[in-house]
N, C-alpha and C. Protein backbone atom coordinates (compact mmCIF):
# COMPACT_ATOMS: atom_id res chain seq x y z
N MET A 1 135.72 61.10 88.60
CA MET A 1 136.69 61.76 88.43
C MET A 1 136.89 62.33 89.70
N ASN A 2 138.15 62.67 90.18
CA ASN A 2 138.38 63.27 91.10
C ASN A 2 138.94 64.54 90.79
N GLN A 3 139.36 65.18 91.84
CA GLN A 3 139.63 66.91 91.69
C GLN A 3 140.72 67.46 90.48
N GLU A 4 142.28 66.33 91.85
CA GLU A 4 143.31 66.44 90.71
C GLU A 4 142.91 65.99 89.22
N ALA A 5 142.68 65.42 88.77
CA ALA A 5 141.89 64.79 86.90
C ALA A 5 141.58 65.94 86.88
N ASN A 6 140.20 66.07 87.27
CA ASN A 6 139.65 67.38 86.99
C ASN A 6 139.89 68.60 86.63
N ASP A 7 141.17 68.87 87.10
CA ASP A 7 142.11 70.16 87.54
C ASP A 7 143.13 69.98 86.01
N THR A 8 143.55 68.97 85.85
CA THR A 8 144.33 68.82 84.46
C THR A 8 143.96 69.17 83.72
N GLY A 9 142.60 67.90 83.33
CA GLY A 9 142.00 68.47 82.42
C GLY A 9 141.99 69.66 82.25
N VAL A 10 141.10 70.37 83.16
CA VAL A 10 140.86 71.91 82.83
C VAL A 10 141.81 73.45 82.36
N ALA A 11 143.31 73.19 83.32
CA ALA A 11 144.34 73.24 83.02
C ALA A 11 145.22 72.77 81.78
N THR A 12 145.26 72.09 81.46
CA THR A 12 145.22 72.16 79.81
C THR A 12 144.48 72.78 78.78
N VAL A 13 142.97 72.92 78.85
CA VAL A 13 142.08 73.21 78.38
C VAL A 13 142.62 75.25 77.65
N ILE A 14 143.20 75.76 79.74
CA ILE A 14 142.97 76.84 79.29
C ILE A 14 144.37 77.39 78.85
N ILE A 15 145.33 76.17 79.08
CA ILE A 15 146.68 76.44 78.46
C ILE A 15 146.00 76.64 76.79
N GLU A 16 145.82 75.37 76.29
CA GLU A 16 145.40 75.63 75.25
C GLU A 16 145.20 77.03 74.37
N ARG A 17 144.12 77.75 74.78
CA ARG A 17 143.04 78.59 74.67
C ARG A 17 144.15 79.65 75.15
N LEU A 18 145.12 79.86 75.66
CA LEU A 18 146.14 80.56 76.47
C LEU A 18 147.03 81.14 75.00
N GLU A 19 147.40 79.58 74.67
CA GLU A 19 148.53 79.98 73.67
C GLU A 19 147.72 80.77 72.40
N LYS A 20 146.66 79.54 71.77
CA LYS A 20 145.92 79.75 70.31
C LYS A 20 145.05 80.75 69.83
N GLU A 21 144.48 81.40 71.68
CA GLU A 21 143.74 82.52 71.49
C GLU A 21 143.63 83.84 72.11
N ARG A 22 144.13 83.58 73.64
CA ARG A 22 143.98 85.40 74.03
C ARG A 22 145.58 85.55 74.20
N LEU A 23 146.43 84.98 74.46
CA LEU A 23 147.77 85.80 73.42
C LEU A 23 148.28 86.28 72.85
N PRO A 24 147.52 85.62 71.87
CA PRO A 24 147.84 86.03 70.25
C PRO A 24 146.83 87.18 70.11
N ARG A 25 145.81 87.18 70.54
CA ARG A 25 145.19 88.26 70.48
C ARG A 25 145.45 90.10 71.66
N ALA A 26 146.46 88.83 72.98
CA ALA A 26 146.36 90.06 73.85
C ALA A 26 147.63 91.16 73.03
N LEU A 27 148.50 90.27 72.54
CA LEU A 27 149.99 91.35 71.94
C LEU A 27 149.26 91.82 70.92
N ASP A 28 148.64 91.35 70.41
CA ASP A 28 147.62 92.51 68.88
C ASP A 28 147.36 93.39 69.44
N LEU A 29 146.07 93.39 70.59
CA LEU A 29 145.60 93.99 71.64
C LEU A 29 146.60 95.23 72.03
N LYS A 30 148.25 95.23 72.59
CA LYS A 30 149.09 95.55 73.11
C LYS A 30 149.68 97.14 71.82
N ALA A 31 149.97 95.68 70.88
CA ALA A 31 150.55 96.49 69.68
C ALA A 31 149.88 97.85 69.15
N LYS A 32 148.47 97.61 69.36
CA LYS A 32 147.35 98.19 68.54
C LYS A 32 147.78 99.21 69.71
N VAL A 33 147.46 99.22 71.18
CA VAL A 33 147.41 100.83 71.86
C VAL A 33 149.00 101.28 72.51
N ASP A 34 149.65 100.62 71.62
CA ASP A 34 150.98 100.69 72.45
C ASP A 34 151.28 102.27 70.95
N ALA A 35 150.41 102.24 70.17
CA ALA A 35 151.09 102.36 68.67
C ALA A 35 150.62 103.87 68.62
N GLY A 36 148.78 103.88 69.87
CA GLY A 36 148.25 105.28 70.44
C GLY A 36 146.97 104.92 69.73
N GLY A 37 146.34 103.67 69.32
CA GLY A 37 144.92 103.40 69.09
C GLY A 37 143.78 103.25 70.07
N GLN A 38 142.74 103.24 69.60
CA GLN A 38 141.95 102.98 71.09
C GLN A 38 141.46 101.51 70.81
N LEU A 39 140.82 101.14 72.16
CA LEU A 39 139.71 100.19 71.90
C LEU A 39 138.58 99.90 71.49
N ASP A 40 138.56 98.91 70.84
CA ASP A 40 136.30 99.59 70.35
C ASP A 40 135.89 98.19 70.59
N ASP A 41 134.88 98.37 70.88
CA ASP A 41 134.02 97.62 71.38
C ASP A 41 134.03 95.64 71.65
N MET A 42 134.95 95.31 70.06
CA MET A 42 135.45 93.72 70.43
C MET A 42 136.54 94.36 71.20
N ASP A 43 137.22 94.70 70.84
CA ASP A 43 138.39 94.37 72.29
C ASP A 43 137.88 94.68 73.19
N ILE A 44 137.09 95.71 74.17
CA ILE A 44 136.92 95.74 75.35
C ILE A 44 135.90 94.49 75.36
N ALA A 45 135.16 93.67 75.24
CA ALA A 45 134.28 93.17 75.27
C ALA A 45 134.92 90.92 75.52
N PHE A 46 136.37 91.66 74.63
CA PHE A 46 137.46 90.12 74.78
C PHE A 46 138.00 90.17 75.82
N LEU A 47 138.05 92.02 76.81
CA LEU A 47 138.73 92.45 77.96
C LEU A 47 138.12 91.14 78.68
N GLU A 48 136.59 92.32 78.97
CA GLU A 48 136.01 91.75 79.52
C GLU A 48 135.20 90.18 80.13
N ARG A 49 135.61 89.12 78.41
CA ARG A 49 135.29 88.10 78.57
C ARG A 49 136.95 87.79 79.71
N VAL A 50 137.47 88.08 79.42
CA VAL A 50 138.84 87.56 80.21
C VAL A 50 138.73 87.75 81.77
N PHE A 51 138.69 88.40 81.82
CA PHE A 51 137.76 89.56 83.30
C PHE A 51 137.34 88.36 84.27
N ALA A 52 136.21 87.92 83.51
CA ALA A 52 135.20 86.98 84.07
C ALA A 52 135.66 85.89 84.01
N ASP A 53 136.47 85.41 83.24
CA ASP A 53 136.87 84.14 83.36
C ASP A 53 137.96 83.67 84.02
N SER A 54 138.77 84.86 84.69
CA SER A 54 139.60 85.05 85.15
C SER A 54 139.30 84.47 86.91
N GLU A 55 138.31 85.52 87.03
CA GLU A 55 137.60 85.50 88.59
C GLU A 55 136.76 83.59 88.75
N ASP A 56 136.57 83.04 86.98
CA ASP A 56 136.09 81.92 87.89
C ASP A 56 137.46 80.81 87.70
N LEU A 57 138.10 81.07 87.83
CA LEU A 57 139.65 80.39 87.74
C LEU A 57 140.42 80.03 89.24
N LYS A 58 140.02 81.75 89.75
CA LYS A 58 140.71 82.03 90.78
C LYS A 58 140.59 79.65 92.17
N PRO A 59 139.81 79.33 91.97
CA PRO A 59 139.84 78.38 92.73
C PRO A 59 140.85 77.51 92.21
N LEU A 60 140.83 77.52 91.09
CA LEU A 60 141.81 76.69 90.18
C LEU A 60 143.35 76.73 90.59
N LEU A 61 143.47 78.42 90.40
CA LEU A 61 144.55 78.60 91.05
C LEU A 61 145.21 78.72 92.54
N ASP A 62 143.92 78.98 93.06
CA ASP A 62 144.05 78.42 94.68
C ASP A 62 144.73 77.05 94.99
N ARG A 63 143.90 76.10 94.15
CA ARG A 63 144.35 75.10 94.60
C ARG A 63 145.88 74.76 93.81
N HIS A 64 146.39 74.99 92.83
CA HIS A 64 147.42 74.71 92.20
C HIS A 64 148.77 76.27 92.04
N PRO A 65 149.68 76.05 92.48
CA PRO A 65 150.37 77.68 93.05
C PRO A 65 151.28 77.67 91.86
N GLU A 66 151.39 76.29 90.91
CA GLU A 66 152.15 76.30 90.28
C GLU A 66 151.96 77.07 89.01
N TYR A 67 150.83 77.26 88.41
CA TYR A 67 150.01 78.40 87.56
C TYR A 67 150.32 79.45 88.24
N HIS A 68 150.40 80.31 88.95
CA HIS A 68 150.51 81.01 89.49
C HIS A 68 151.08 82.77 88.95
N GLU A 69 152.40 82.28 88.75
CA GLU A 69 153.45 83.45 88.26
C GLU A 69 152.52 83.80 86.49
N LEU A 70 152.37 82.25 85.78
CA LEU A 70 151.66 82.43 84.30
C LEU A 70 150.63 83.69 84.63
N ALA A 71 149.74 83.03 85.73
CA ALA A 71 147.97 83.88 85.54
C ALA A 71 148.54 84.99 85.93
N SER A 72 149.73 85.85 86.80
CA SER A 72 149.96 86.95 87.48
C SER A 72 150.24 87.54 86.02
N ARG A 73 151.57 87.52 85.30
CA ARG A 73 152.03 87.91 83.97
C ARG A 73 150.49 87.72 83.42
N MET A 74 150.20 87.40 82.84
CA MET A 74 149.15 87.45 81.65
C MET A 74 148.01 88.44 81.90
N MET A 75 147.60 88.62 83.41
CA MET A 75 146.79 89.76 84.39
C MET A 75 147.46 90.80 84.23
N ARG A 76 149.12 91.29 84.57
CA ARG A 76 149.41 92.01 84.16
C ARG A 76 149.66 93.05 82.59
N LEU A 77 150.03 92.23 81.98
CA LEU A 77 149.65 92.28 80.06
C LEU A 77 148.36 92.76 80.01
N TYR A 78 147.23 92.68 80.40
CA TYR A 78 145.87 92.69 80.13
C TYR A 78 145.48 93.90 80.84
N GLN A 79 146.37 94.55 82.32
CA GLN A 79 146.06 95.37 83.09
C GLN A 79 146.88 96.81 82.23
N GLU A 80 147.95 96.08 81.65
CA GLU A 80 149.00 96.68 81.03
C GLU A 80 148.33 97.73 79.45
N ILE A 81 147.27 97.12 78.85
CA ILE A 81 146.30 97.16 77.42
C ILE A 81 145.12 97.87 78.09
N THR A 82 144.75 97.47 79.49
CA THR A 82 143.28 98.58 79.25
C THR A 82 143.92 99.94 80.23
N ALA A 83 145.10 100.08 80.84
CA ALA A 83 145.26 101.32 81.17
C ALA A 83 146.27 102.05 79.92
N LYS A 84 146.93 101.66 79.03
CA LYS A 84 147.23 102.41 78.05
C LYS A 84 145.70 102.48 77.02
N GLY A 85 145.19 101.81 76.93
CA GLY A 85 144.02 102.68 75.91
C GLY A 85 142.98 103.60 76.92
N LEU A 86 142.83 102.86 78.40
CA LEU A 86 142.19 104.34 78.43
C LEU A 86 142.71 105.47 79.05
N GLU A 87 144.27 105.91 78.43
CA GLU A 87 145.25 106.78 78.27
C GLU A 87 144.60 107.24 77.08
N ASN A 88 144.89 106.30 75.97
CA ASN A 88 144.63 106.91 74.55
C ASN A 88 143.42 107.76 74.86
N GLU A 89 142.09 107.29 75.39
CA GLU A 89 141.32 108.02 75.36
C GLU A 89 141.30 109.57 75.25
N LYS A 90 142.42 109.61 75.82
CA LYS A 90 141.90 111.51 76.31
C LYS A 90 142.81 112.35 75.44
């Protein structure tokens, strides 16, 4: 299998996971922290997985700049969640 075909398969799975799992969970977390809630251990574990996965995806993103905007928007959302979550801890 060539790299392009492999990348297409990986991107398809990642986008499906984003649509069905990650984005809905992120939006729930955003609503939680925006309402003054704190991140619990499960929330933090989710965010840690997301950040670890994003590191693994850097080579794919380097090869496919068409995904940069989507990745940037998701990372901004996760950053907003963590920043607000930290603020709510104070």
